[in-house]
Amino acid sequence: MKRLLLFTLLTPVAAQAASVSFEWSMDQPSDLVGYKIYHKGTTEPVFTITDPNARTFSGQFNLECGNECFYITAFDGSQESDKSNDACKDTKPSSPSAFKMM
């Protein structure tokens, strides 16, 4: 199975729900049932997509402050593909600048 995962996080704030958006490409076999998106380091999917024609997904996820990584797999009735590449984004807030004491 050929996979490409691109990933965008929108308005992340420490330990609070934020919008996450994913995009991928896939050569679709006839028996494909859908996709599972995992937060790296977990064994259960955080999102399951049961549309085999889907190539994008957006949802809410509780983000921590730091480097957030996800990956996707495809599944049919009885098997799951190898995981895709990791898609990561640094969700730390920007550092203040021009800080001085007056």
PDB file of N, CA and C in Angstrom:
ATOM      1  N   MET A   1       0.840  -1.176   0.000  1.00  0.00           N
ATOM      2  CA  MET A   1       0.000   0.000   0.000  1.00  0.00           C
ATOM      3  C   MET A   1       0.882   1.235   0.000  1.00  0.00           C
ATOM      4  N   LYS A   2       0.579   2.188  -0.806  1.00  0.00           N
ATOM      5  CA  LYS A   2       1.361   3.403  -0.903  1.00  0.00           C
ATOM      6  C   LYS A   2       0.645   4.503  -0.119  1.00  0.00           C
ATOM      7  N   ARG A   3       1.367   5.185   0.769  1.00  0.00           N
ATOM      8  CA  ARG A   3       0.748   6.187   1.614  1.00  0.00           C
ATOM      9  C   ARG A   3       1.614   7.436   1.672  1.00  0.00           C
ATOM     10  N   LEU A   4       0.978   8.560   1.789  1.00  0.00           N
ATOM     11  CA  LEU A   4       1.654   9.812   2.053  1.00  0.00           C
ATOM     12  C   LEU A   4       0.782  10.570   3.023  1.00  0.00           C
ATOM     13  N   LEU A   5       1.340  11.010   4.117  1.00  0.00           N
ATOM     14  CA  LEU A   5       0.574  11.732   5.115  1.00  0.00           C
ATOM     15  C   LEU A   5       1.173  13.113   5.268  1.00  0.00           C
ATOM     16  N   LEU A   6       0.365  14.109   5.074  1.00  0.00           N
ATOM     17  CA  LEU A   6       0.722  15.495   5.331  1.00  0.00           C
ATOM     18  C   LEU A   6      -0.179  15.956   6.454  1.00  0.00           C
ATOM     19  N   PHE A   7       0.261  16.902   7.233  1.00  0.00           N
ATOM     20  CA  PHE A   7      -0.445  17.141   8.461  1.00  0.00           C
ATOM     21  C   PHE A   7      -0.353  18.610   8.853  1.00  0.00           C
ATOM     22  N   THR A   8      -1.447  19.133   9.396  1.00  0.00           N
ATOM     23  CA  THR A   8      -1.507  20.517   9.835  1.00  0.00           C
ATOM     24  C   THR A   8      -2.196  20.573  11.190  1.00  0.00           C
ATOM     25  N   LEU A   9      -1.659  21.339  12.115  1.00  0.00           N
ATOM     26  CA  LEU A   9      -2.325  21.618  13.381  1.00  0.00           C
ATOM     27  C   LEU A   9      -2.728  23.081  13.374  1.00  0.00           C
ATOM     28  N   LEU A  10      -3.948  23.355  13.799  1.00  0.00           N
ATOM     29  CA  LEU A  10      -4.435  24.728  13.822  1.00  0.00           C
ATOM     30  C   LEU A  10      -4.680  25.155  15.264  1.00  0.00           C
ATOM     31  N   THR A  11      -4.248  26.338  15.625  1.00  0.00           N
ATOM     32  CA  THR A  11      -4.429  26.959  16.927  1.00  0.00           C
ATOM     33  C   THR A  11      -4.210  26.036  18.123  1.00  0.00           C
ATOM     34  N   PRO A  12      -3.032  25.446  18.249  1.00  0.00           N
ATOM     35  CA  PRO A  12      -2.795  24.589  19.407  1.00  0.00           C
ATOM     36  C   PRO A  12      -2.557  25.401  20.677  1.00  0.00           C
ATOM     37  N   VAL A  13      -3.085  24.942  21.779  1.00  0.00           N
ATOM     38  CA  VAL A  13      -2.863  25.532  23.086  1.00  0.00           C
ATOM     39  C   VAL A  13      -2.579  24.381  24.035  1.00  0.00           C
ATOM     40  N   ALA A  14      -1.689  24.578  24.982  1.00  0.00           N
ATOM     41  CA  ALA A  14      -1.245  23.499  25.871  1.00  0.00           C
ATOM     42  C   ALA A  14      -2.415  22.764  26.503  1.00  0.00           C
ATOM     43  N   ALA A  15      -2.415  21.433  26.348  1.00  0.00           N
ATOM     44  CA  ALA A  15      -3.368  20.525  26.975  1.00  0.00           C
ATOM     45  C   ALA A  15      -4.817  20.954  26.791  1.00  0.00           C
ATOM     46  N   GLN A  16      -5.155  21.401  25.609  1.00  0.00           N
ATOM     47  CA  GLN A  16      -6.537  21.762  25.346  1.00  0.00           C
ATOM     48  C   GLN A  16      -6.897  21.327  23.939  1.00  0.00           C
ATOM     49  N   ALA A  17      -8.177  21.124  23.707  1.00  0.00           N
ATOM     50  CA  ALA A  17      -8.635  20.655  22.399  1.00  0.00           C
ATOM     51  C   ALA A  17      -8.258  21.655  21.312  1.00  0.00           C
ATOM     52  N   ALA A  18      -7.736  21.139  20.237  1.00  0.00           N
ATOM     53  CA  ALA A  18      -7.361  21.962  19.086  1.00  0.00           C
ATOM     54  C   ALA A  18      -7.769  21.218  17.827  1.00  0.00           C
ATOM     55  N   SER A  19      -7.971  21.953  16.762  1.00  0.00           N
ATOM     56  CA  SER A  19      -8.288  21.337  15.475  1.00  0.00           C
ATOM     57  C   SER A  19      -7.031  20.717  14.890  1.00  0.00           C
ATOM     58  N   VAL A  20      -7.165  19.491  14.399  1.00  0.00           N
ATOM     59  CA  VAL A  20      -6.077  18.839  13.681  1.00  0.00           C
ATOM     60  C   VAL A  20      -6.617  18.455  12.305  1.00  0.00           C
ATOM     61  N   SER A  21      -5.814  18.652  11.275  1.00  0.00           N
ATOM     62  CA  SER A  21      -6.211  18.318   9.915  1.00  0.00           C
ATOM     63  C   SER A  21      -5.138  17.449   9.286  1.00  0.00           C
ATOM     64  N   PHE A  22      -5.559  16.421   8.577  1.00  0.00           N
ATOM     65  CA  PHE A  22      -4.651  15.485   7.948  1.00  0.00           C
ATOM     66  C   PHE A  22      -5.004  15.349   6.474  1.00  0.00           C
ATOM     67  N   GLU A  23      -4.010  15.053   5.664  1.00  0.00           N
ATOM     68  CA  GLU A  23      -4.205  14.795   4.243  1.00  0.00           C
ATOM     69  C   GLU A  23      -3.234  13.700   3.827  1.00  0.00           C
ATOM     70  N   TRP A  24      -3.672  12.780   2.950  1.00  0.00           N
ATOM     71  CA  TRP A  24      -2.811  11.693   2.505  1.00  0.00           C
ATOM     72  C   TRP A  24      -3.204  11.268   1.112  1.00  0.00           C
ATOM     73  N   SER A  25      -2.340  10.469   0.498  1.00  0.00           N
ATOM     74  CA  SER A  25      -2.669   9.863  -0.787  1.00  0.00           C
ATOM     75  C   SER A  25      -2.579   8.354  -0.616  1.00  0.00           C
ATOM     76  N   MET A  26      -3.306   7.628  -1.468  1.00  0.00           N
ATOM     77  CA  MET A  26      -3.375   6.182  -1.307  1.00  0.00           C
ATOM     78  C   MET A  26      -3.789   5.539  -2.613  1.00  0.00           C
ATOM     79  N   ASP A  27      -3.077   4.483  -3.024  1.00  0.00           N
ATOM     80  CA  ASP A  27      -3.535   3.623  -4.103  1.00  0.00           C
ATOM     81  C   ASP A  27      -4.550   2.690  -3.465  1.00  0.00           C
ATOM     82  N   GLN A  28      -5.791   2.822  -3.838  1.00  0.00           N
ATOM     83  CA  GLN A  28      -6.864   2.130  -3.128  1.00  0.00           C
ATOM     84  C   GLN A  28      -7.105   0.713  -3.653  1.00  0.00           C
ATOM     85  N   PRO A  29      -6.837  -0.305  -2.831  1.00  0.00           N
ATOM     86  CA  PRO A  29      -7.216  -1.661  -3.212  1.00  0.00           C
ATOM     87  C   PRO A  29      -8.738  -1.816  -3.075  1.00  0.00           C
ATOM     88  N   SER A  30      -9.306  -2.783  -3.763  1.00  0.00           N
ATOM     89  CA  SER A  30     -10.763  -2.934  -3.787  1.00  0.00           C
ATOM     90  C   SER A  30     -11.357  -3.316  -2.433  1.00  0.00           C
ATOM     91  N   ASP A  31     -10.568  -3.925  -1.559  1.00  0.00           N
ATOM     92  CA  ASP A  31     -11.105  -4.370  -0.273  1.00  0.00           C
ATOM     93  C   ASP A  31     -10.834  -3.405   0.884  1.00  0.00           C
ATOM     94  N   LEU A  32     -10.357  -2.211   0.597  1.00  0.00           N
ATOM     95  CA  LEU A  32     -10.056  -1.225   1.638  1.00  0.00           C
ATOM     96  C   LEU A  32     -11.336  -0.824   2.369  1.00  0.00           C
ATOM     97  N   VAL A  33     -11.276  -0.804   3.700  1.00  0.00           N
ATOM     98  CA  VAL A  33     -12.419  -0.406   4.523  1.00  0.00           C
ATOM     99  C   VAL A  33     -12.257   1.020   5.018  1.00  0.00           C
ATOM    100  N   GLY A  34     -11.027   1.418   5.383  1.00  0.00           N
ATOM    101  CA  GLY A  34     -10.827   2.763   5.907  1.00  0.00           C
ATOM    102  C   GLY A  34      -9.426   2.960   6.447  1.00  0.00           C
ATOM    103  N   TYR A  35      -9.314   3.938   7.362  1.00  0.00           N
ATOM    104  CA  TYR A  35      -8.021   4.373   7.885  1.00  0.00           C
ATOM    105  C   TYR A  35      -8.099   4.553   9.398  1.00  0.00           C
ATOM    106  N   LYS A  36      -6.952   4.401  10.044  1.00  0.00           N
ATOM    107  CA  LYS A  36      -6.825   4.665  11.473  1.00  0.00           C
ATOM    108  C   LYS A  36      -5.683   5.650  11.670  1.00  0.00           C
ATOM    109  N   ILE A  37      -5.932   6.705  12.429  1.00  0.00           N
ATOM    110  CA  ILE A  37      -4.914   7.706  12.741  1.00  0.00           C
ATOM    111  C   ILE A  37      -4.519   7.526  14.207  1.00  0.00           C
ATOM    112  N   TYR A  38      -3.221   7.411  14.426  1.00  0.00           N
ATOM    113  CA  TYR A  38      -2.671   7.191  15.762  1.00  0.00           C
ATOM    114  C   TYR A  38      -1.848   8.388  16.206  1.00  0.00           C
ATOM    115  N   HIS A  39      -1.908   8.706  17.494  1.00  0.00           N
ATOM    116  CA  HIS A  39      -0.983   9.642  18.118  1.00  0.00           C
ATOM    117  C   HIS A  39       0.245   8.823  18.449  1.00  0.00           C
ATOM    118  N   LYS A  40       1.422   9.256  18.007  1.00  0.00           N
ATOM    119  CA  LYS A  40       2.635   8.457  18.186  1.00  0.00           C
ATOM    120  C   LYS A  40       2.815   8.096  19.661  1.00  0.00           C
ATOM    121  N   GLY A  41       3.134   6.837  19.877  1.00  0.00           N
ATOM    122  CA  GLY A  41       3.347   6.347  21.231  1.00  0.00           C
ATOM    123  C   GLY A  41       2.107   5.689  21.824  1.00  0.00           C
ATOM    124  N   THR A  42       0.994   5.673  21.068  1.00  0.00           N
ATOM    125  CA  THR A  42      -0.217   5.015  21.550  1.00  0.00           C
ATOM    126  C   THR A  42      -0.475   3.746  20.737  1.00  0.00           C
ATOM    127  N   THR A  43      -1.249   2.843  21.300  1.00  0.00           N
ATOM    128  CA  THR A  43      -1.570   1.600  20.596  1.00  0.00           C
ATOM    129  C   THR A  43      -2.996   1.572  20.068  1.00  0.00           C
ATOM    130  N   GLU A  44      -3.817   2.512  20.474  1.00  0.00           N
ATOM    131  CA  GLU A  44      -5.194   2.606  19.998  1.00  0.00           C
ATOM    132  C   GLU A  44      -5.325   3.839  19.108  1.00  0.00           C
ATOM    133  N   PRO A  45      -6.084   3.722  18.009  1.00  0.00           N
ATOM    134  CA  PRO A  45      -6.242   4.892  17.134  1.00  0.00           C
ATOM    135  C   PRO A  45      -7.006   6.011  17.841  1.00  0.00           C
ATOM    136  N   VAL A  46      -6.630   7.250  17.536  1.00  0.00           N
ATOM    137  CA  VAL A  46      -7.358   8.402  18.074  1.00  0.00           C
ATOM    138  C   VAL A  46      -8.505   8.785  17.145  1.00  0.00           C
ATOM    139  N   PHE A  47      -8.409   8.397  15.881  1.00  0.00           N
ATOM    140  CA  PHE A  47      -9.481   8.594  14.910  1.00  0.00           C
ATOM    141  C   PHE A  47      -9.564   7.358  14.024  1.00  0.00           C
ATOM    142  N   THR A  48     -10.774   6.932  13.693  1.00  0.00           N
ATOM    143  CA  THR A  48     -11.001   5.866  12.716  1.00  0.00           C
ATOM    144  C   THR A  48     -11.910   6.420  11.634  1.00  0.00           C
ATOM    145  N   ILE A  49     -11.483   6.290  10.395  1.00  0.00           N
ATOM    146  CA  ILE A  49     -12.228   6.803   9.243  1.00  0.00           C
ATOM    147  C   ILE A  49     -12.721   5.587   8.463  1.00  0.00           C
ATOM    148  N   THR A  50     -14.028   5.450   8.299  1.00  0.00           N
ATOM    149  CA  THR A  50     -14.587   4.275   7.631  1.00  0.00           C
ATOM    150  C   THR A  50     -15.031   4.578   6.201  1.00  0.00           C
ATOM    151  N   ASP A  51     -14.464   5.600   5.612  1.00  0.00           N
ATOM    152  CA  ASP A  51     -14.710   5.914   4.199  1.00  0.00           C
ATOM    153  C   ASP A  51     -13.426   5.606   3.427  1.00  0.00           C
ATOM    154  N   PRO A  52     -13.408   4.537   2.621  1.00  0.00           N
ATOM    155  CA  PRO A  52     -12.176   4.185   1.905  1.00  0.00           C
ATOM    156  C   PRO A  52     -11.766   5.209   0.853  1.00  0.00           C
ATOM    157  N   ASN A  53     -12.667   6.107   0.479  1.00  0.00           N
ATOM    158  CA  ASN A  53     -12.345   7.149  -0.501  1.00  0.00           C
ATOM    159  C   ASN A  53     -11.798   8.415   0.146  1.00  0.00           C
ATOM    160  N   ALA A  54     -11.798   8.481   1.460  1.00  0.00           N
ATOM    161  CA  ALA A  54     -11.323   9.674   2.172  1.00  0.00           C
ATOM    162  C   ALA A  54      -9.833   9.885   1.908  1.00  0.00           C
ATOM    163  N   ARG A  55      -9.440  11.127   1.754  1.00  0.00           N
ATOM    164  CA  ARG A  55      -8.023  11.496   1.619  1.00  0.00           C
ATOM    165  C   ARG A  55      -7.679  12.687   2.511  1.00  0.00           C
ATOM    166  N   THR A  56      -8.676  13.143   3.288  1.00  0.00           N
ATOM    167  CA  THR A  56      -8.472  14.211   4.274  1.00  0.00           C
ATOM    168  C   THR A  56      -9.335  13.899   5.497  1.00  0.00           C
ATOM    169  N   PHE A  57      -8.949  14.468   6.616  1.00  0.00           N
ATOM    170  CA  PHE A  57      -9.738  14.325   7.834  1.00  0.00           C
ATOM    171  C   PHE A  57      -9.397  15.489   8.752  1.00  0.00           C
ATOM    172  N   SER A  58     -10.413  16.033   9.423  1.00  0.00           N
ATOM    173  CA  SER A  58     -10.224  17.063  10.450  1.00  0.00           C
ATOM    174  C   SER A  58     -10.993  16.649  11.686  1.00  0.00           C
ATOM    175  N   GLY A  59     -10.435  16.926  12.842  1.00  0.00           N
ATOM    176  CA  GLY A  59     -11.100  16.587  14.094  1.00  0.00           C
ATOM    177  C   GLY A  59     -10.505  17.371  15.248  1.00  0.00           C
ATOM    178  N   GLN A  60     -10.971  17.106  16.447  1.00  0.00           N
ATOM    179  CA  GLN A  60     -10.487  17.752  17.668  1.00  0.00           C
ATOM    180  C   GLN A  60      -9.614  16.763  18.433  1.00  0.00           C
ATOM    181  N   PHE A  61      -8.500  17.254  18.964  1.00  0.00           N
ATOM    182  CA  PHE A  61      -7.601  16.411  19.738  1.00  0.00           C
ATOM    183  C   PHE A  61      -6.989  17.242  20.847  1.00  0.00           C
ATOM    184  N   ASN A  62      -6.843  16.664  22.041  1.00  0.00           N
ATOM    185  CA  ASN A  62      -6.197  17.370  23.147  1.00  0.00           C
ATOM    186  C   ASN A  62      -4.695  17.353  22.937  1.00  0.00           C
ATOM    187  N   LEU A  63      -4.145  18.510  22.639  1.00  0.00           N
ATOM    188  CA  LEU A  63      -2.723  18.638  22.352  1.00  0.00           C
ATOM    189  C   LEU A  63      -1.967  19.078  23.588  1.00  0.00           C
ATOM    190  N   GLU A  64      -0.803  18.502  23.756  1.00  0.00           N
ATOM    191  CA  GLU A  64       0.117  18.956  24.788  1.00  0.00           C
ATOM    192  C   GLU A  64       1.022  20.000  24.141  1.00  0.00           C
ATOM    193  N   CYS A  65       1.773  20.679  24.953  1.00  0.00           N
ATOM    194  CA  CYS A  65       2.715  21.661  24.435  1.00  0.00           C
ATOM    195  C   CYS A  65       4.022  20.938  24.140  1.00  0.00           C
ATOM    196  N   GLY A  66       4.456  20.956  22.890  1.00  0.00           N
ATOM    197  CA  GLY A  66       5.679  20.272  22.513  1.00  0.00           C
ATOM    198  C   GLY A  66       5.599  19.751  21.095  1.00  0.00           C
ATOM    199  N   ASN A  67       6.291  18.675  20.838  1.00  0.00           N
ATOM    200  CA  ASN A  67       6.338  18.091  19.500  1.00  0.00           C
ATOM    201  C   ASN A  67       5.267  17.002  19.390  1.00  0.00           C
ATOM    202  N   GLU A  68       4.220  17.241  18.621  1.00  0.00           N
ATOM    203  CA  GLU A  68       3.115  16.295  18.449  1.00  0.00           C
ATOM    204  C   GLU A  68       3.326  15.509  17.160  1.00  0.00           C
ATOM    205  N   CYS A  69       3.233  14.183  17.222  1.00  0.00           N
ATOM    206  CA  CYS A  69       3.413  13.329  16.045  1.00  0.00           C
ATOM    207  C   CYS A  69       2.250  12.364  15.892  1.00  0.00           C
ATOM    208  N   PHE A  70       1.864  12.126  14.650  1.00  0.00           N
ATOM    209  CA  PHE A  70       0.790  11.209  14.309  1.00  0.00           C
ATOM    210  C   PHE A  70       1.245  10.343  13.145  1.00  0.00           C
ATOM    211  N   TYR A  71       0.563   9.205  12.947  1.00  0.00           N
ATOM    212  CA  TYR A  71       0.753   8.393  11.747  1.00  0.00           C
ATOM    213  C   TYR A  71      -0.578   7.751  11.391  1.00  0.00           C
ATOM    214  N   ILE A  72      -0.678   7.236  10.162  1.00  0.00           N
ATOM    215  CA  ILE A  72      -1.922   6.660   9.664  1.00  0.00           C
ATOM    216  C   ILE A  72      -1.666   5.247   9.148  1.00  0.00           C
ATOM    217  N   THR A  73      -2.682   4.391   9.258  1.00  0.00           N
ATOM    218  CA  THR A  73      -2.661   3.068   8.645  1.00  0.00           C
ATOM    219  C   THR A  73      -3.939   2.900   7.838  1.00  0.00           C
ATOM    220  N   ALA A  74      -3.916   1.979   6.890  1.00  0.00           N
ATOM    221  CA  ALA A  74      -5.115   1.597   6.146  1.00  0.00           C
ATOM    222  C   ALA A  74      -5.527   0.214   6.639  1.00  0.00           C
ATOM    223  N   PHE A  75      -6.846  -0.074   6.583  1.00  0.00           N
ATOM    224  CA  PHE A  75      -7.283  -1.407   7.009  1.00  0.00           C
ATOM    225  C   PHE A  75      -8.383  -1.931   6.101  1.00  0.00           C
ATOM    226  N   ASP A  76      -8.425  -3.272   6.000  1.00  0.00           N
ATOM    227  CA  ASP A  76      -9.513  -3.942   5.306  1.00  0.00           C
ATOM    228  C   ASP A  76     -10.263  -4.762   6.352  1.00  0.00           C
ATOM    229  N   GLY A  77     -11.008  -5.735   5.957  1.00  0.00           N
ATOM    230  CA  GLY A  77     -11.804  -6.506   6.910  1.00  0.00           C
ATOM    231  C   GLY A  77     -11.011  -7.236   7.969  1.00  0.00           C
ATOM    232  N   SER A  78      -9.769  -7.657   7.669  1.00  0.00           N
ATOM    233  CA  SER A  78      -9.029  -8.474   8.628  1.00  0.00           C
ATOM    234  C   SER A  78      -7.581  -8.051   8.854  1.00  0.00           C
ATOM    235  N   GLN A  79      -7.078  -7.078   8.092  1.00  0.00           N
ATOM    236  CA  GLN A  79      -5.666  -6.701   8.205  1.00  0.00           C
ATOM    237  C   GLN A  79      -5.501  -5.195   8.285  1.00  0.00           C
ATOM    238  N   GLU A  80      -4.358  -4.808   8.857  1.00  0.00           N
ATOM    239  CA  GLU A  80      -3.984  -3.397   8.930  1.00  0.00           C
ATOM    240  C   GLU A  80      -2.611  -3.230   8.293  1.00  0.00           C
ATOM    241  N   SER A  81      -2.450  -2.157   7.522  1.00  0.00           N
ATOM    242  CA  SER A  81      -1.172  -1.903   6.845  1.00  0.00           C
ATOM    243  C   SER A  81      -0.091  -1.529   7.839  1.00  0.00           C
ATOM    244  N   ASP A  82       1.140  -1.473   7.351  1.00  0.00           N
ATOM    245  CA  ASP A  82       2.222  -0.886   8.127  1.00  0.00           C
ATOM    246  C   ASP A  82       1.898   0.586   8.339  1.00  0.00           C
ATOM    247  N   LYS A  83       2.518   1.180   9.345  1.00  0.00           N
ATOM    248  CA  LYS A  83       2.264   2.598   9.605  1.00  0.00           C
ATOM    249  C   LYS A  83       2.930   3.474   8.557  1.00  0.00           C
ATOM    250  N   SER A  84       2.357   4.633   8.347  1.00  0.00           N
ATOM    251  CA  SER A  84       2.931   5.626   7.434  1.00  0.00           C
ATOM    252  C   SER A  84       4.120   6.309   8.103  1.00  0.00           C
ATOM    253  N   ASN A  85       4.668   7.268   7.398  1.00  0.00           N
ATOM    254  CA  ASN A  85       5.673   8.133   8.013  1.00  0.00           C
ATOM    255  C   ASN A  85       5.017   8.910   9.158  1.00  0.00           C
ATOM    256  N   ASP A  86       5.826   9.362  10.113  1.00  0.00           N
ATOM    257  CA  ASP A  86       5.323  10.230  11.172  1.00  0.00           C
ATOM    258  C   ASP A  86       5.147  11.630  10.612  1.00  0.00           C
ATOM    259  N   ALA A  87       4.060  12.261  11.001  1.00  0.00           N
ATOM    260  CA  ALA A  87       3.828  13.665  10.674  1.00  0.00           C
ATOM    261  C   ALA A  87       3.855  14.416  11.998  1.00  0.00           C
ATOM    262  N   CYS A  88       4.784  15.358  12.138  1.00  0.00           N
ATOM    263  CA  CYS A  88       5.001  16.027  13.421  1.00  0.00           C
ATOM    264  C   CYS A  88       4.905  17.542  13.271  1.00  0.00           C
ATOM    265  N   LYS A  89       4.532  18.172  14.360  1.00  0.00           N
ATOM    266  CA  LYS A  89       4.484  19.630  14.401  1.00  0.00           C
ATOM    267  C   LYS A  89       4.820  20.069  15.817  1.00  0.00           C
ATOM    268  N   ASP A  90       5.618  21.108  15.919  1.00  0.00           N
ATOM    269  CA  ASP A  90       5.955  21.688  17.211  1.00  0.00           C
ATOM    270  C   ASP A  90       4.799  22.590  17.627  1.00  0.00           C
ATOM    271  N   THR A  91       4.165  22.269  18.743  1.00  0.00           N
ATOM    272  CA  THR A  91       2.997  23.033  19.192  1.00  0.00           C
ATOM    273  C   THR A  91       3.310  23.987  20.336  1.00  0.00           C
ATOM    274  N   LYS A  92       4.597  24.199  20.603  1.00  0.00           N
ATOM    275  CA  LYS A  92       4.953  25.160  21.642  1.00  0.00           C
ATOM    276  C   LYS A  92       4.594  26.569  21.180  1.00  0.00           C
ATOM    277  N   PRO A  93       4.162  27.432  22.093  1.00  0.00           N
ATOM    278  CA  PRO A  93       3.891  28.818  21.697  1.00  0.00           C
ATOM    279  C   PRO A  93       5.187  29.535  21.325  1.00  0.00           C
ATOM    280  N   SER A  94       5.058  30.575  20.558  1.00  0.00           N
ATOM    281  CA  SER A  94       6.221  31.394  20.189  1.00  0.00           C
ATOM    282  C   SER A  94       6.802  32.065  21.423  1.00  0.00           C
ATOM    283  N   SER A  95       8.098  32.302  21.395  1.00  0.00           N
ATOM    284  CA  SER A  95       8.752  32.994  22.501  1.00  0.00           C
ATOM    285  C   SER A  95       8.512  34.499  22.394  1.00  0.00           C
ATOM    286  N   PRO A  96       8.314  35.159  23.538  1.00  0.00           N
ATOM    287  CA  PRO A  96       8.197  36.624  23.514  1.00  0.00           C
ATOM    288  C   PRO A  96       9.523  37.231  23.050  1.00  0.00           C
ATOM    289  N   SER A  97       9.455  38.414  22.505  1.00  0.00           N
ATOM    290  CA  SER A  97      10.682  39.092  22.076  1.00  0.00           C
ATOM    291  C   SER A  97      10.711  40.507  22.647  1.00  0.00           C
ATOM    292  N   ALA A  98      11.829  41.122  22.531  1.00  0.00           N
ATOM    293  CA  ALA A  98      12.055  42.495  23.014  1.00  0.00           C
ATOM    294  C   ALA A  98      11.680  42.654  24.488  1.00  0.00           C
ATOM    295  N   PHE A  99      11.981  41.667  25.275  1.00  0.00           N
ATOM    296  CA  PHE A  99      11.708  41.703  26.714  1.00  0.00           C
ATOM    297  C   PHE A  99      12.791  42.516  27.394  1.00  0.00           C
ATOM    298  N   LYS A 100      12.388  43.456  28.234  1.00  0.00           N
ATOM    299  CA  LYS A 100      13.367  44.271  28.957  1.00  0.00           C
ATOM    300  C   LYS A 100      12.765  44.777  30.248  1.00  0.00           C
ATOM    301  N   MET A 101      13.642  45.169  31.160  1.00  0.00           N
ATOM    302  CA  MET A 101      13.208  45.739  32.417  1.00  0.00           C
ATOM    303  C   MET A 101      13.323  47.246  32.303  1.00  0.00           C
ATOM    304  N   MET A 102      12.339  47.936  32.823  1.00  0.00           N
ATOM    305  CA  MET A 102      12.338  49.404  32.705  1.00  0.00           C
ATOM    306  C   MET A 102      12.511  50.045  34.048  1.00  0.00           C
TER     307      MET A 102
END
